[in-house]
PDB file of N, CA and C in Angstrom:
ATOM      1  N   MET A   1     -13.108  -3.811 -23.829  1.00  0.00           N
ATOM      2  CA  MET A   1     -13.774  -4.190 -25.055  1.00  0.00           C
ATOM      3  C   MET A   1     -15.042  -3.367 -25.234  1.00  0.00           C
ATOM      4  N   LYS A   2     -15.732  -3.144 -24.131  1.00  0.00           N
ATOM      5  CA  LYS A   2     -16.977  -2.385 -24.204  1.00  0.00           C
ATOM      6  C   LYS A   2     -16.714  -0.961 -24.699  1.00  0.00           C
ATOM      7  N   GLN A   3     -15.568  -0.393 -24.333  1.00  0.00           N
ATOM      8  CA  GLN A   3     -15.229   0.957 -24.777  1.00  0.00           C
ATOM      9  C   GLN A   3     -14.950   0.984 -26.275  1.00  0.00           C
ATOM     10  N   LEU A   4     -14.352  -0.073 -26.796  1.00  0.00           N
ATOM     11  CA  LEU A   4     -14.048  -0.121 -28.218  1.00  0.00           C
ATOM     12  C   LEU A   4     -15.276  -0.427 -29.072  1.00  0.00           C
ATOM     13  N   ALA A   5     -16.249  -1.111 -28.492  1.00  0.00           N
ATOM     14  CA  ALA A   5     -17.451  -1.493 -29.236  1.00  0.00           C
ATOM     15  C   ALA A   5     -18.681  -1.310 -28.357  1.00  0.00           C
ATOM     16  N   PRO A   6     -19.047  -0.053 -28.048  1.00  0.00           N
ATOM     17  CA  PRO A   6     -20.163   0.189 -27.132  1.00  0.00           C
ATOM     18  C   PRO A   6     -21.513  -0.305 -27.650  1.00  0.00           C
ATOM     19  N   ASP A   7     -21.629  -0.517 -28.949  1.00  0.00           N
ATOM     20  CA  ASP A   7     -22.892  -0.964 -29.527  1.00  0.00           C
ATOM     21  C   ASP A   7     -23.060  -2.485 -29.463  1.00  0.00           C
ATOM     22  N   LYS A   8     -22.043  -3.189 -29.023  1.00  0.00           N
ATOM     23  CA  LYS A   8     -22.114  -4.653 -28.973  1.00  0.00           C
ATOM     24  C   LYS A   8     -22.511  -5.133 -27.590  1.00  0.00           C
ATOM     25  N   GLU A   9     -23.134  -6.297 -27.553  1.00  0.00           N
ATOM     26  CA  GLU A   9     -23.489  -6.923 -26.286  1.00  0.00           C
ATOM     27  C   GLU A   9     -22.444  -7.995 -25.974  1.00  0.00           C
ATOM     28  N   PHE A  10     -21.859  -7.906 -24.802  1.00  0.00           N
ATOM     29  CA  PHE A  10     -20.854  -8.878 -24.385  1.00  0.00           C
ATOM     30  C   PHE A  10     -21.482  -9.834 -23.380  1.00  0.00           C
ATOM     31  N   ILE A  11     -21.322 -11.116 -23.620  1.00  0.00           N
ATOM     32  CA  ILE A  11     -21.893 -12.147 -22.760  1.00  0.00           C
ATOM     33  C   ILE A  11     -20.742 -12.872 -22.069  1.00  0.00           C
ATOM     34  N   GLU A  12     -20.833 -12.965 -20.754  1.00  0.00           N
ATOM     35  CA  GLU A  12     -19.787 -13.643 -19.992  1.00  0.00           C
ATOM     36  C   GLU A  12     -19.788 -15.125 -20.305  1.00  0.00           C
ATOM     37  N   ALA A  13     -18.624 -15.635 -20.601  1.00  0.00           N
ATOM     38  CA  ALA A  13     -18.486 -17.071 -20.828  1.00  0.00           C
ATOM     39  C   ALA A  13     -18.149 -17.748 -19.507  1.00  0.00           C
ATOM     40  N   PRO A  14     -18.774 -18.861 -19.218  1.00  0.00           N
ATOM     41  CA  PRO A  14     -18.417 -19.568 -17.985  1.00  0.00           C
ATOM     42  C   PRO A  14     -16.981 -20.069 -18.077  1.00  0.00           C
ATOM     43  N   THR A  15     -16.270 -19.939 -16.980  1.00  0.00           N
ATOM     44  CA  THR A  15     -14.863 -20.335 -16.978  1.00  0.00           C
ATOM     45  C   THR A  15     -14.588 -21.462 -16.001  1.00  0.00           C
ATOM     46  N   MET A  16     -15.632 -21.998 -15.412  1.00  0.00           N
ATOM     47  CA  MET A  16     -15.448 -23.029 -14.396  1.00  0.00           C
ATOM     48  C   MET A  16     -14.788 -24.261 -15.013  1.00  0.00           C
ATOM     49  N   GLY A  17     -13.653 -24.577 -14.498  1.00  0.00           N
ATOM     50  CA  GLY A  17     -12.938 -25.756 -14.967  1.00  0.00           C
ATOM     51  C   GLY A  17     -12.826 -26.766 -13.848  1.00  0.00           C
ATOM     52  N   GLU A  18     -12.015 -27.737 -14.050  1.00  0.00           N
ATOM     53  CA  GLU A  18     -11.821 -28.783 -13.059  1.00  0.00           C
ATOM     54  C   GLU A  18     -11.230 -28.189 -11.786  1.00  0.00           C
ATOM     55  N   GLY A  19     -11.885 -28.381 -10.677  1.00  0.00           N
ATOM     56  CA  GLY A  19     -11.391 -27.872  -9.404  1.00  0.00           C
ATOM     57  C   GLY A  19     -11.728 -26.417  -9.131  1.00  0.00           C
ATOM     58  N   ALA A  20     -12.446 -25.778 -10.022  1.00  0.00           N
ATOM     59  CA  ALA A  20     -12.792 -24.369  -9.830  1.00  0.00           C
ATOM     60  C   ALA A  20     -13.876 -24.231  -8.770  1.00  0.00           C
ATOM     61  N   THR A  21     -13.849 -23.120  -8.056  1.00  0.00           N
ATOM     62  CA  THR A  21     -14.861 -22.871  -7.034  1.00  0.00           C
ATOM     63  C   THR A  21     -15.855 -21.809  -7.471  1.00  0.00           C
ATOM     64  N   CYS A  22     -15.667 -21.258  -8.663  1.00  0.00           N
ATOM     65  CA  CYS A  22     -16.603 -20.243  -9.159  1.00  0.00           C
ATOM     66  C   CYS A  22     -17.017 -20.611 -10.581  1.00  0.00           C
ATOM     67  N   LYS A  23     -18.072 -19.964 -11.051  1.00  0.00           N
ATOM     68  CA  LYS A  23     -18.575 -20.266 -12.386  1.00  0.00           C
ATOM     69  C   LYS A  23     -18.089 -19.283 -13.435  1.00  0.00           C
ATOM     70  N   SER A  24     -17.734 -18.070 -13.034  1.00  0.00           N
ATOM     71  CA  SER A  24     -17.288 -17.073 -13.991  1.00  0.00           C
ATOM     72  C   SER A  24     -16.353 -16.093 -13.309  1.00  0.00           C
ATOM     73  N   CYS A  25     -15.235 -15.851 -13.914  1.00  0.00           N
ATOM     74  CA  CYS A  25     -14.274 -14.900 -13.342  1.00  0.00           C
ATOM     75  C   CYS A  25     -14.549 -13.471 -13.787  1.00  0.00           C
ATOM     76  N   ALA A  26     -15.591 -13.255 -14.571  1.00  0.00           N
ATOM     77  CA  ALA A  26     -15.886 -11.906 -15.038  1.00  0.00           C
ATOM     78  C   ALA A  26     -16.297 -10.986 -13.895  1.00  0.00           C
ATOM     79  N   HIS A  27     -16.870 -11.539 -12.845  1.00  0.00           N
ATOM     80  CA  HIS A  27     -17.257 -10.749 -11.668  1.00  0.00           C
ATOM     81  C   HIS A  27     -16.731 -11.454 -10.422  1.00  0.00           C
ATOM     82  N   CYS A  28     -15.428 -11.485 -10.295  1.00  0.00           N
ATOM     83  CA  CYS A  28     -14.789 -12.222  -9.212  1.00  0.00           C
ATOM     84  C   CYS A  28     -14.737 -11.382  -7.934  1.00  0.00           C
ATOM     85  N   PRO A  29     -15.309 -11.871  -6.835  1.00  0.00           N
ATOM     86  CA  PRO A  29     -15.276 -11.100  -5.587  1.00  0.00           C
ATOM     87  C   PRO A  29     -13.859 -10.919  -5.062  1.00  0.00           C
ATOM     88  N   TRP A  30     -12.972 -11.848  -5.377  1.00  0.00           N
ATOM     89  CA  TRP A  30     -11.584 -11.718  -4.915  1.00  0.00           C
ATOM     90  C   TRP A  30     -10.877 -10.606  -5.673  1.00  0.00           C
ATOM     91  N   MET A  31     -11.101 -10.527  -6.968  1.00  0.00           N
ATOM     92  CA  MET A  31     -10.480  -9.459  -7.756  1.00  0.00           C
ATOM     93  C   MET A  31     -11.069  -8.102  -7.389  1.00  0.00           C
ATOM     94  N   ALA A  32     -12.330  -8.085  -6.961  1.00  0.00           N
ATOM     95  CA  ALA A  32     -12.973  -6.828  -6.569  1.00  0.00           C
ATOM     96  C   ALA A  32     -12.328  -6.235  -5.319  1.00  0.00           C
ATOM     97  N   MET A  33     -11.583  -7.050  -4.586  1.00  0.00           N
ATOM     98  CA  MET A  33     -10.910  -6.551  -3.387  1.00  0.00           C
ATOM     99  C   MET A  33      -9.681  -5.706  -3.737  1.00  0.00           C
ATOM    100  N   ASN A  34      -9.214  -5.791  -4.977  1.00  0.00           N
ATOM    101  CA  ASN A  34      -8.066  -5.001  -5.409  1.00  0.00           C
ATOM    102  C   ASN A  34      -8.497  -3.573  -5.701  1.00  0.00           C
ATOM    103  N   SER A  35      -7.625  -2.640  -5.396  1.00  0.00           N
ATOM    104  CA  SER A  35      -7.885  -1.237  -5.711  1.00  0.00           C
ATOM    105  C   SER A  35      -6.548  -0.559  -5.961  1.00  0.00           C
ATOM    106  N   LEU A  36      -6.584   0.607  -6.572  1.00  0.00           N
ATOM    107  CA  LEU A  36      -5.346   1.351  -6.796  1.00  0.00           C
ATOM    108  C   LEU A  36      -4.706   1.736  -5.470  1.00  0.00           C
ATOM    109  N   HIS A  37      -5.532   2.060  -4.482  1.00  0.00           N
ATOM    110  CA  HIS A  37      -5.018   2.417  -3.158  1.00  0.00           C
ATOM    111  C   HIS A  37      -4.250   1.240  -2.548  1.00  0.00           C
ATOM    112  N   ASN A  38      -4.847   0.043  -2.604  1.00  0.00           N
ATOM    113  CA  ASN A  38      -4.188  -1.145  -2.057  1.00  0.00           C
ATOM    114  C   ASN A  38      -2.920  -1.495  -2.837  1.00  0.00           C
ATOM    115  N   LEU A  39      -2.970  -1.335  -4.149  1.00  0.00           N
ATOM    116  CA  LEU A  39      -1.798  -1.609  -4.972  1.00  0.00           C
ATOM    117  C   LEU A  39      -0.650  -0.674  -4.609  1.00  0.00           C
ATOM    118  N   LEU A  40      -0.952   0.602  -4.458  1.00  0.00           N
ATOM    119  CA  LEU A  40       0.070   1.574  -4.076  1.00  0.00           C
ATOM    120  C   LEU A  40       0.677   1.219  -2.723  1.00  0.00           C
ATOM    121  N   ALA A  41      -0.160   0.846  -1.773  1.00  0.00           N
ATOM    122  CA  ALA A  41       0.327   0.488  -0.435  1.00  0.00           C
ATOM    123  C   ALA A  41       1.279  -0.706  -0.502  1.00  0.00           C
ATOM    124  N   VAL A  42       0.935  -1.700  -1.293  1.00  0.00           N
ATOM    125  CA  VAL A  42       1.793  -2.881  -1.429  1.00  0.00           C
ATOM    126  C   VAL A  42       3.126  -2.508  -2.068  1.00  0.00           C
ATOM    127  N   LEU A  43       3.074  -1.676  -3.109  1.00  0.00           N
ATOM    128  CA  LEU A  43       4.311  -1.286  -3.781  1.00  0.00           C
ATOM    129  C   LEU A  43       5.202  -0.444  -2.881  1.00  0.00           C
ATOM    130  N   GLU A  44       4.611   0.423  -2.087  1.00  0.00           N
ATOM    131  CA  GLU A  44       5.394   1.289  -1.204  1.00  0.00           C
ATOM    132  C   GLU A  44       5.930   0.542   0.014  1.00  0.00           C
ATOM    133  N   GLN A  45       5.138  -0.361   0.568  1.00  0.00           N
ATOM    134  CA  GLN A  45       5.492  -1.005   1.832  1.00  0.00           C
ATOM    135  C   GLN A  45       6.078  -2.411   1.660  1.00  0.00           C
ATOM    136  N   GLY A  46       5.899  -3.000   0.492  1.00  0.00           N
ATOM    137  CA  GLY A  46       6.466  -4.321   0.242  1.00  0.00           C
ATOM    138  C   GLY A  46       5.771  -5.467   0.950  1.00  0.00           C
ATOM    139  N   HIS A  47       4.548  -5.258   1.416  1.00  0.00           N
ATOM    140  CA  HIS A  47       3.799  -6.328   2.081  1.00  0.00           C
ATOM    141  C   HIS A  47       3.239  -7.310   1.055  1.00  0.00           C
ATOM    142  N   ASN A  48       2.821  -8.463   1.543  1.00  0.00           N
ATOM    143  CA  ASN A  48       2.136  -9.476   0.722  1.00  0.00           C
ATOM    144  C   ASN A  48       2.973  -9.961  -0.457  1.00  0.00           C
ATOM    145  N   GLU A  49       4.264 -10.012  -0.284  1.00  0.00           N
ATOM    146  CA  GLU A  49       5.148 -10.476  -1.347  1.00  0.00           C
ATOM    147  C   GLU A  49       4.935 -11.971  -1.580  1.00  0.00           C
ATOM    148  N   ILE A  50       4.955 -12.355  -2.842  1.00  0.00           N
ATOM    149  CA  ILE A  50       4.861 -13.775  -3.180  1.00  0.00           C
ATOM    150  C   ILE A  50       6.103 -14.166  -3.977  1.00  0.00           C
ATOM    151  N   HIS A  51       6.432 -15.424  -3.933  1.00  0.00           N
ATOM    152  CA  HIS A  51       7.596 -15.937  -4.656  1.00  0.00           C
ATOM    153  C   HIS A  51       7.122 -17.024  -5.611  1.00  0.00           C
ATOM    154  N   VAL A  52       7.614 -16.962  -6.840  1.00  0.00           N
ATOM    155  CA  VAL A  52       7.259 -17.971  -7.841  1.00  0.00           C
ATOM    156  C   VAL A  52       8.538 -18.516  -8.462  1.00  0.00           C
ATOM    157  N   ASP A  53       8.438 -19.719  -8.992  1.00  0.00           N
ATOM    158  CA  ASP A  53       9.573 -20.310  -9.695  1.00  0.00           C
ATOM    159  C   ASP A  53       9.935 -19.452 -10.905  1.00  0.00           C
ATOM    160  N   GLU A  54      11.192 -19.470 -11.268  1.00  0.00           N
ATOM    161  CA  GLU A  54      11.669 -18.685 -12.410  1.00  0.00           C
ATOM    162  C   GLU A  54      10.931 -19.058 -13.694  1.00  0.00           C
ATOM    163  N   SER A  55      10.652 -20.334 -13.890  1.00  0.00           N
ATOM    164  CA  SER A  55       9.955 -20.755 -15.112  1.00  0.00           C
ATOM    165  C   SER A  55       8.548 -20.164 -15.179  1.00  0.00           C
ATOM    166  N   VAL A  56       7.885 -20.062 -14.049  1.00  0.00           N
ATOM    167  CA  VAL A  56       6.549 -19.458 -13.992  1.00  0.00           C
ATOM    168  C   VAL A  56       6.653 -17.961 -14.273  1.00  0.00           C
ATOM    169  N   ARG A  57       7.657 -17.305 -13.697  1.00  0.00           N
ATOM    170  CA  ARG A  57       7.852 -15.873 -13.907  1.00  0.00           C
ATOM    171  C   ARG A  57       8.060 -15.561 -15.387  1.00  0.00           C
ATOM    172  N   VAL A  58       8.880 -16.354 -16.053  1.00  0.00           N
ATOM    173  CA  VAL A  58       9.171 -16.132 -17.469  1.00  0.00           C
ATOM    174  C   VAL A  58       7.902 -16.282 -18.307  1.00  0.00           C
ATOM    175  N   LYS A  59       7.117 -17.316 -18.033  1.00  0.00           N
ATOM    176  CA  LYS A  59       5.872 -17.528 -18.778  1.00  0.00           C
ATOM    177  C   LYS A  59       4.869 -16.412 -18.509  1.00  0.00           C
ATOM    178  N   ALA A  60       4.780 -15.976 -17.271  1.00  0.00           N
ATOM    179  CA  ALA A  60       3.854 -14.896 -16.923  1.00  0.00           C
ATOM    180  C   ALA A  60       4.269 -13.594 -17.592  1.00  0.00           C
ATOM    181  N   LEU A  61       5.559 -13.330 -17.629  1.00  0.00           N
ATOM    182  CA  LEU A  61       6.048 -12.115 -18.278  1.00  0.00           C
ATOM    183  C   LEU A  61       5.734 -12.140 -19.766  1.00  0.00           C
ATOM    184  N   ARG A  62       5.911 -13.299 -20.395  1.00  0.00           N
ATOM    185  CA  ARG A  62       5.600 -13.422 -21.820  1.00  0.00           C
ATOM    186  C   ARG A  62       4.114 -13.143 -22.068  1.00  0.00           C
ATOM    187  N   SER A  63       3.254 -13.707 -21.236  1.00  0.00           N
ATOM    188  CA  SER A  63       1.812 -13.483 -21.383  1.00  0.00           C
ATOM    189  C   SER A  63       1.456 -12.023 -21.160  1.00  0.00           C
ATOM    190  N   THR A  64       2.057 -11.418 -20.152  1.00  0.00           N
ATOM    191  CA  THR A  64       1.788 -10.008 -19.862  1.00  0.00           C
ATOM    192  C   THR A  64       2.221  -9.133 -21.028  1.00  0.00           C
ATOM    193  N   ARG A  65       3.376  -9.401 -21.582  1.00  0.00           N
ATOM    194  CA  ARG A  65       3.851  -8.615 -22.731  1.00  0.00           C
ATOM    195  C   ARG A  65       2.924  -8.776 -23.926  1.00  0.00           C
ATOM    196  N   ARG A  66       2.425  -9.978 -24.150  1.00  0.00           N
ATOM    197  CA  ARG A  66       1.490 -10.202 -25.260  1.00  0.00           C
ATOM    198  C   ARG A  66       0.205  -9.396 -25.059  1.00  0.00           C
ATOM    199  N   MET A  67      -0.301  -9.379 -23.823  1.00  0.00           N
ATOM    200  CA  MET A  67      -1.516  -8.599 -23.546  1.00  0.00           C
ATOM    201  C   MET A  67      -1.271  -7.113 -23.770  1.00  0.00           C
ATOM    202  N   LEU A  68      -0.126  -6.611 -23.313  1.00  0.00           N
ATOM    203  CA  LEU A  68       0.192  -5.193 -23.496  1.00  0.00           C
ATOM    204  C   LEU A  68       0.380  -4.858 -24.970  1.00  0.00           C
ATOM    205  N   ASP A  69       1.027  -5.732 -25.722  1.00  0.00           N
ATOM    206  CA  ASP A  69       1.188  -5.517 -27.162  1.00  0.00           C
ATOM    207  C   ASP A  69      -0.169  -5.491 -27.855  1.00  0.00           C
ATOM    208  N   PHE A  70      -1.053  -6.398 -27.456  1.00  0.00           N
ATOM    209  CA  PHE A  70      -2.398  -6.441 -28.029  1.00  0.00           C
ATOM    210  C   PHE A  70      -3.140  -5.140 -27.735  1.00  0.00           C
ATOM    211  N   ALA A  71      -3.087  -4.684 -26.490  1.00  0.00           N
ATOM    212  CA  ALA A  71      -3.765  -3.438 -26.114  1.00  0.00           C
ATOM    213  C   ALA A  71      -3.174  -2.258 -26.871  1.00  0.00           C
ATOM    214  N   ARG A  72      -1.855  -2.261 -27.030  1.00  0.00           N
ATOM    215  CA  ARG A  72      -1.182  -1.166 -27.725  1.00  0.00           C
ATOM    216  C   ARG A  72      -1.613  -1.095 -29.189  1.00  0.00           C
ATOM    217  N   SER A  73      -1.964  -2.216 -29.772  1.00  0.00           N
ATOM    218  CA  SER A  73      -2.369  -2.231 -31.180  1.00  0.00           C
ATOM    219  C   SER A  73      -3.683  -1.480 -31.405  1.00  0.00           C
ATOM    220  N   PHE A  74      -4.436  -1.219 -30.338  1.00  0.00           N
ATOM    221  CA  PHE A  74      -5.698  -0.492 -30.459  1.00  0.00           C
ATOM    222  C   PHE A  74      -5.562   0.987 -30.099  1.00  0.00           C
ATOM    223  N   MET A  75      -4.384   1.384 -29.659  1.00  0.00           N
ATOM    224  CA  MET A  75      -4.187   2.778 -29.255  1.00  0.00           C
ATOM    225  C   MET A  75      -3.936   3.636 -30.493  1.00  0.00           C
ATOM    226  N   PRO A  76      -4.445   4.860 -30.460  1.00  0.00           N
ATOM    227  CA  PRO A  76      -4.237   5.748 -31.620  1.00  0.00           C
ATOM    228  C   PRO A  76      -2.783   6.150 -31.789  1.00  0.00           C
TER     229      PRO A  76
END
């Protein structure tokens, strides 16, 4: 968003909900542990595999496609 509107100020909204252990996911230390190097290693070696129910997979795929479609709408 900052790249599309560099003149705007973006303010992090608190995301802490019921049972949450953090106040904002905008600067999540767990997500900061991800890197392209680690992602490549997982894809090549197949480590850290997780399994989800089919219903969860379908919903996640729908959400992912919506995000990609949204991002694509801003591409030249």
